[in-house]
Amino acid sequence: MDKKAKKRIEILRKKVQDLQPRLAGAKQQMDDPDEVEQFEQQIAAAQEEIAKLKAS
């Protein structure tokens, strides 16, 4: 893995850490059900990209 991949993984991990509490809050306060789905999709996309970067 090169430096760019490592840096991208680090950024994605921080993004996931930021999104997880926001997702939990959105689940508790279901004002906008689409918001929960958006957070889940963003987390899944970030984790998928991390897996791809680790595999390469």
Protein backbone atom coordinates (compact mmCIF):
# COMPACT_ATOMS: atom_id res chain seq x y z
CA MET A 1 0.00 0.00 0.00
CA ASP A 2 1.34 3.41 -0.91
CA LYS A 3 1.07 6.64 1.05
CA LYS A 4 -2.00 7.84 -0.83
CA ALA A 5 -3.92 4.66 -0.02
CA LYS A 6 -2.95 4.81 3.65
CA LYS A 7 -3.99 8.46 3.88
CA ARG A 8 -7.30 7.72 2.12
CA ILE A 9 -8.01 4.85 4.54
CA GLU A 10 -7.27 7.14 7.48
CA ILE A 11 -9.66 9.79 6.13
CA LEU A 12 -12.39 7.20 5.50
CA ARG A 13 -12.05 5.78 9.02
CA LYS A 14 -12.46 9.26 10.49
CA LYS A 15 -15.52 9.78 8.30
CA VAL A 16 -17.05 6.51 9.55
CA GLN A 17 -16.30 7.48 13.17
CA ASP A 18 -18.05 10.81 12.58
CA LEU A 19 -21.07 9.26 10.88
CA GLN A 20 -21.76 6.51 13.43
CA PRO A 21 -22.90 8.83 16.28
CA ARG A 22 -24.90 10.89 13.79
CA LEU A 23 -26.61 7.71 12.62
CA ALA A 24 -27.40 6.71 16.19
CA GLY A 25 -28.88 10.15 16.86
CA ALA A 26 -30.93 10.02 13.68
CA LYS A 27 -32.32 6.60 14.69
CA GLN A 28 -33.36 7.95 18.10
CA GLN A 29 -35.00 11.02 16.64
CA MET A 30 -36.78 9.78 13.52
CA ASP A 31 -37.71 13.21 12.11
CA ASP A 32 -36.47 12.28 8.65
CA PRO A 33 -36.34 8.53 7.84
CA ASP A 34 -34.33 9.26 4.69
CA GLU A 35 -31.54 10.68 6.84
CA VAL A 36 -30.98 7.30 8.52
CA GLU A 37 -30.76 5.62 5.13
CA GLN A 38 -28.30 8.25 3.88
CA PHE A 39 -25.99 7.76 6.85
CA GLU A 40 -26.12 3.98 6.45
CA GLN A 41 -25.28 4.27 2.75
CA GLN A 42 -22.39 6.65 3.42
CA ILE A 43 -20.94 4.34 6.09
CA ALA A 44 -21.30 1.29 3.82
CA ALA A 45 -19.65 3.10 0.91
CA ALA A 46 -16.73 4.22 3.08
CA GLN A 47 -16.23 0.72 4.50
CA GLU A 48 -16.39 -0.77 1.01
CA GLU A 49 -13.74 1.64 -0.25
CA ILE A 50 -11.52 0.82 2.76
CA ALA A 51 -11.82 -2.89 1.91
CA LYS A 52 -10.90 -2.22 -1.74
CA LEU A 53 -7.88 -0.15 -0.75
CA LYS A 54 -6.68 -2.83 1.66
CA ALA A 55 -7.08 -5.54 -0.99
CA SER A 56 -4.97 -3.70 -3.54
